[in-house]
Amino acid sequence: MYKENPKDRAQFNVADSEQIPYVAILAPAEVNAGTVRIKKQVGKDAAGEDRGEEVKMTEVVDYLKEKLRRA
């Protein structure tokens, strides 16, 4: 989902309501490192302190394919 001025909570709520299993977080730190943070979307209460995994941008598709294959 693309928005001009995105609000994190609103985007996570959409992911929850649409039952999207993983979200990609691309913040300045990840951009600088050439990575994307992939987080399993389990709802805000269940996530706790889980910040997801940093994955190289070139490996995101393969990473998600593997995760979805195991689901």
Protein backbone atom coordinates (compact mmCIF):
# COMPACT_ATOMS: atom_id res chain seq x y z
CA MET A 1 0.00 0.00 0.00
CA TYR A 2 1.41 3.40 -0.91
CA LYS A 3 0.44 6.64 0.78
CA GLU A 4 1.99 10.11 0.71
CA ASN A 5 2.08 10.39 4.52
CA PRO A 6 1.71 6.86 5.85
CA LYS A 7 0.83 6.14 9.46
CA ASP A 8 2.32 2.88 10.72
CA ARG A 9 -0.66 1.80 12.78
CA ALA A 10 -3.13 2.36 9.90
CA GLN A 11 -0.97 0.29 7.54
CA PHE A 12 -0.65 -2.56 10.05
CA ASN A 13 -4.42 -2.46 10.58
CA VAL A 14 -4.96 -2.91 6.84
CA ALA A 15 -2.54 -5.85 6.84
CA ASP A 16 -4.50 -7.39 9.73
CA SER A 17 -7.91 -6.87 8.14
CA GLU A 18 -6.73 -8.17 4.74
CA GLN A 19 -5.00 -11.16 6.43
CA ILE A 20 -1.65 -10.32 4.85
CA PRO A 21 0.82 -12.74 6.46
CA TYR A 22 4.02 -10.66 6.18
CA VAL A 23 4.81 -6.97 6.04
CA ALA A 24 7.91 -5.33 4.61
CA ILE A 25 9.32 -2.40 6.56
CA LEU A 26 11.63 -0.08 4.69
CA ALA A 27 12.90 2.66 6.98
CA PRO A 28 15.99 4.85 6.46
CA ALA A 29 18.22 2.43 8.41
CA GLU A 30 17.19 -0.45 6.18
CA VAL A 31 17.63 1.58 2.99
CA ASN A 32 21.16 2.55 4.06
CA ALA A 33 21.98 -1.10 4.83
CA GLY A 34 20.44 -2.40 1.58
CA THR A 35 17.95 -4.51 3.51
CA VAL A 36 14.22 -4.82 4.13
CA ARG A 37 12.77 -5.79 7.51
CA ILE A 38 10.25 -8.61 7.04
CA LYS A 39 7.85 -9.14 9.90
CA LYS A 40 5.21 -11.81 10.35
CA GLN A 41 1.90 -10.02 10.74
CA VAL A 42 0.35 -11.50 13.87
CA GLY A 43 -1.45 -8.48 15.30
CA LYS A 44 -0.04 -5.84 17.61
CA ASP A 45 -0.77 -7.69 20.87
CA ALA A 46 0.75 -10.99 19.76
CA ALA A 47 3.88 -9.45 18.21
CA GLY A 48 5.37 -8.23 21.47
CA GLU A 49 8.93 -7.09 20.89
CA ASP A 50 9.39 -9.03 17.64
CA ARG A 51 10.95 -6.60 15.15
CA GLY A 52 11.13 -9.11 12.30
CA GLU A 53 14.17 -10.13 10.29
CA GLU A 54 16.42 -8.01 8.11
CA VAL A 55 16.76 -9.51 4.66
CA LYS A 56 18.97 -8.30 1.81
CA MET A 57 16.87 -6.55 -0.83
CA THR A 58 18.09 -8.99 -3.45
CA GLU A 59 16.86 -11.96 -1.37
CA VAL A 60 13.38 -10.76 -0.33
CA VAL A 61 11.40 -12.71 -2.95
CA ASP A 62 13.17 -16.01 -2.21
CA TYR A 63 12.87 -15.40 1.54
CA LEU A 64 9.11 -14.82 1.33
CA LYS A 65 8.58 -17.77 -1.01
CA GLU A 66 10.29 -20.03 1.52
CA LYS A 67 8.30 -18.61 4.45
CA LEU A 68 5.00 -19.00 2.58
CA ARG A 69 5.89 -22.51 1.45
CA ARG A 70 6.34 -23.54 5.11
CA ALA A 71 3.06 -21.95 6.23
